[in-house]
């Protein structure tokens, strides 16, 4: 007779694998309209790097700000424009002023990290914007069509997040 292993209840902060090679964290909401609810939240690269001490809270917050602006700019859907249309491109599609302003802010943030064609710009676009993991970006996109090692990719992302944190005012330049 085969016995099943006893299921261990999840505790807050437990990380479990989910479909697509991603990870989710078991969390309890402590604020907002769902106070007290427990659920899974996907774990992104920036959160993992923050937990590992690879990036500072200011760098994490800057990445999250970029991600939110990226979503408002509607750059992450099935009709994502080509990357070469971002800096100074002519947008002929109709959009609300909020989307236009968000796209302008995305462009300014990318300029702050060296532009979309720079290694930092590519890392921020794919990891903070589109939600790819560092591993995915390093292997599939990399920079300038060249794959990178994970330590190289992580280093590029850390530097770009530092510049982004300064751009958003989380860090002071003296």
Protein backbone atom coordinates (compact mmCIF):
# COMPACT_ATOMS: atom_id res chain seq x y z
CA UNK A 1 0.00 0.00 0.00
CA UNK A 2 1.38 3.38 -1.06
CA UNK A 3 0.90 6.25 1.31
CA UNK A 4 0.72 9.83 0.18
CA UNK A 5 3.05 12.30 1.83
CA UNK A 6 1.19 14.48 4.32
CA UNK A 7 0.39 17.92 2.89
CA UNK A 8 2.16 20.69 4.74
CA UNK A 9 0.06 23.88 5.10
CA UNK A 10 1.50 26.97 3.45
CA UNK A 11 2.90 29.75 5.62
CA UNK A 12 3.07 33.42 4.71
CA UNK A 13 6.15 34.00 2.55
CA UNK A 14 6.37 30.44 1.20
CA UNK A 15 7.48 30.37 -2.44
CA UNK A 16 6.02 27.73 -4.76
CA UNK A 17 6.65 26.99 -8.46
CA UNK A 18 3.82 27.75 -10.89
CA UNK A 19 3.25 27.22 -14.60
CA UNK A 20 5.69 28.77 -17.05
CA UNK A 21 8.69 28.40 -14.76
CA UNK A 22 7.57 31.32 -12.62
CA UNK A 23 7.22 31.46 -8.85
CA UNK A 24 4.43 32.61 -6.55
CA UNK A 25 4.51 33.69 -2.92
CA UNK A 26 1.77 32.91 -0.38
CA UNK A 27 0.86 36.30 1.10
CA UNK A 28 -1.66 37.87 3.46
CA UNK A 29 -2.97 41.31 2.47
CA UNK A 30 -2.54 43.80 5.29
CA UNK A 31 -3.96 46.86 3.53
CA UNK A 32 -6.44 47.86 0.88
CA UNK A 33 -9.89 46.46 0.30
CA UNK A 34 -8.82 42.82 0.77
CA UNK A 35 -7.41 43.11 4.32
CA UNK A 36 -6.91 39.68 5.82
CA UNK A 37 -7.20 37.72 2.58
CA UNK A 38 -4.51 35.17 1.77
CA UNK A 39 -3.55 34.38 -1.80
CA UNK A 40 -0.69 33.72 -4.18
CA UNK A 41 1.20 36.65 -5.70
CA UNK A 42 3.62 36.07 -8.53
CA UNK A 43 7.21 36.80 -7.64
CA UNK A 44 9.03 38.97 -10.13
CA UNK A 45 12.76 39.35 -10.65
CA UNK A 46 12.87 42.70 -8.84
CA UNK A 47 11.20 41.27 -5.74
CA UNK A 48 13.58 38.30 -5.71
CA UNK A 49 16.56 40.63 -6.08
CA UNK A 50 15.28 42.80 -3.22
CA UNK A 51 14.81 39.76 -0.97
CA UNK A 52 18.32 38.53 -1.85
CA UNK A 53 19.81 41.95 -1.08
CA UNK A 54 21.01 42.42 -4.66
CA UNK A 55 19.14 45.72 -5.01
CA UNK A 56 18.03 48.38 -2.53
CA UNK A 57 14.41 49.19 -1.68
CA UNK A 58 14.80 52.43 -3.67
CA UNK A 59 15.91 50.50 -6.76
CA UNK A 60 12.99 48.09 -6.33
CA UNK A 61 10.52 50.96 -5.99
CA UNK A 62 11.94 52.65 -9.09
CA UNK A 63 11.50 49.42 -11.05
CA UNK A 64 7.93 49.09 -9.79
CA UNK A 65 7.20 52.71 -10.76
CA UNK A 66 8.54 52.02 -14.26
CA UNK A 67 6.40 48.88 -14.46
CA UNK A 68 3.24 50.78 -13.48
CA UNK A 69 3.98 53.56 -15.99
CA UNK A 70 4.70 50.93 -18.66
CA UNK A 71 1.26 49.42 -18.07
CA UNK A 72 -0.43 52.83 -18.19
CA UNK A 73 1.39 53.47 -21.47
CA UNK A 74 -0.22 50.31 -22.87
CA UNK A 75 3.10 48.96 -24.10
CA UNK A 76 2.65 45.42 -22.83
CA UNK A 77 -0.30 44.06 -24.81
CA UNK A 78 -0.61 42.06 -28.01
CA UNK A 79 -0.27 45.21 -30.13
CA UNK A 80 3.03 46.37 -28.64
CA UNK A 81 4.78 48.79 -31.02
CA UNK A 82 8.28 48.19 -32.29
CA UNK A 83 10.97 49.40 -29.89
CA UNK A 84 12.38 51.81 -32.46
CA UNK A 85 9.12 53.78 -32.31
CA UNK A 86 9.62 54.82 -28.69
CA UNK A 87 12.22 57.63 -28.68
CA UNK A 88 10.73 60.60 -30.48
CA UNK A 89 8.57 58.47 -32.75
CA UNK A 90 5.38 59.72 -34.35
CA UNK A 91 2.39 58.04 -32.73
CA UNK A 92 -0.37 57.92 -35.29
CA UNK A 93 -2.74 55.74 -33.30
CA UNK A 94 -5.41 57.37 -31.21
CA UNK A 95 -4.73 57.40 -27.49
CA UNK A 96 -5.88 59.19 -24.44
CA UNK A 97 -3.81 61.95 -22.90
CA UNK A 98 -3.02 59.66 -19.96
CA UNK A 99 -1.53 57.03 -22.28
CA UNK A 100 0.40 59.69 -24.18
CA UNK A 101 1.79 61.13 -20.95
CA UNK A 102 2.71 57.65 -19.69
CA UNK A 103 4.54 56.91 -22.95
CA UNK A 104 6.44 60.17 -22.58
CA UNK A 105 7.43 59.21 -19.03
CA UNK A 106 8.57 55.75 -20.23
CA UNK A 107 10.73 57.45 -22.86
CA UNK A 108 12.22 59.82 -20.28
CA UNK A 109 12.98 56.93 -17.92
CA UNK A 110 14.64 54.97 -20.74
CA UNK A 111 16.70 58.04 -21.65
CA UNK A 112 17.83 58.24 -18.01
CA UNK A 113 19.29 54.73 -18.21
CA UNK A 114 20.99 55.29 -21.57
CA UNK A 115 18.16 54.94 -24.06
CA UNK A 116 16.22 51.94 -25.36
CA UNK A 117 19.19 50.76 -27.44
CA UNK A 118 21.49 50.63 -24.38
CA UNK A 119 21.99 47.53 -22.25
CA UNK A 120 20.24 49.23 -19.31
CA UNK A 121 17.34 50.36 -21.46
CA UNK A 122 16.86 46.86 -22.83
CA UNK A 123 17.01 45.34 -19.33
CA UNK A 124 14.48 47.80 -17.92
CA UNK A 125 12.15 47.36 -20.93
CA UNK A 126 12.08 43.58 -20.81
CA UNK A 127 12.42 42.90 -17.07
CA UNK A 128 10.61 45.78 -15.34
CA UNK A 129 8.31 46.61 -18.26
CA UNK A 130 7.36 43.30 -19.87
CA UNK A 131 7.94 41.21 -16.74
CA UNK A 132 10.55 38.82 -18.14
CA UNK A 133 12.91 37.18 -15.69
CA UNK A 134 16.60 38.11 -15.69
CA UNK A 135 17.33 34.61 -16.98
CA UNK A 136 14.85 34.98 -19.87
CA UNK A 137 16.19 38.38 -20.86
CA UNK A 138 19.81 37.21 -20.66
CA UNK A 139 19.22 34.12 -22.79
CA UNK A 140 16.59 35.24 -25.27
CA UNK A 141 16.97 39.00 -25.67
CA UNK A 142 20.18 40.10 -24.05
CA UNK A 143 21.57 43.25 -25.45
CA UNK A 144 21.93 44.05 -29.13
CA UNK A 145 20.81 40.52 -30.03
CA UNK A 146 23.64 38.91 -28.05
CA UNK A 147 22.83 36.60 -25.17
CA UNK A 148 24.46 37.37 -21.83
CA UNK A 149 25.50 35.36 -18.81
CA UNK A 150 23.20 35.74 -15.81
CA UNK A 151 25.81 37.61 -13.76
CA UNK A 152 26.31 40.08 -16.65
CA UNK A 153 22.57 40.52 -17.03
CA UNK A 154 22.09 41.02 -13.30
CA UNK A 155 24.90 43.60 -13.22
CA UNK A 156 23.37 45.53 -16.12
CA UNK A 157 19.96 45.49 -14.42
CA UNK A 158 21.37 46.63 -11.06
CA UNK A 159 23.18 49.55 -12.71
CA UNK A 160 20.07 50.52 -14.68
CA UNK A 161 17.88 50.35 -11.58
CA UNK A 162 20.34 52.63 -9.78
CA UNK A 163 20.05 55.18 -12.59
CA UNK A 164 16.27 54.77 -12.62
CA UNK A 165 16.12 55.35 -8.85
CA UNK A 166 18.04 58.61 -9.32
CA UNK A 167 15.75 59.60 -12.21
CA UNK A 168 12.64 59.08 -10.07
CA UNK A 169 14.16 60.90 -7.11
CA UNK A 170 14.61 57.92 -4.79
CA UNK A 171 18.35 58.55 -4.60
CA UNK A 172 20.08 61.88 -4.33
CA UNK A 173 23.05 62.94 -6.39
CA UNK A 174 25.54 64.97 -4.40
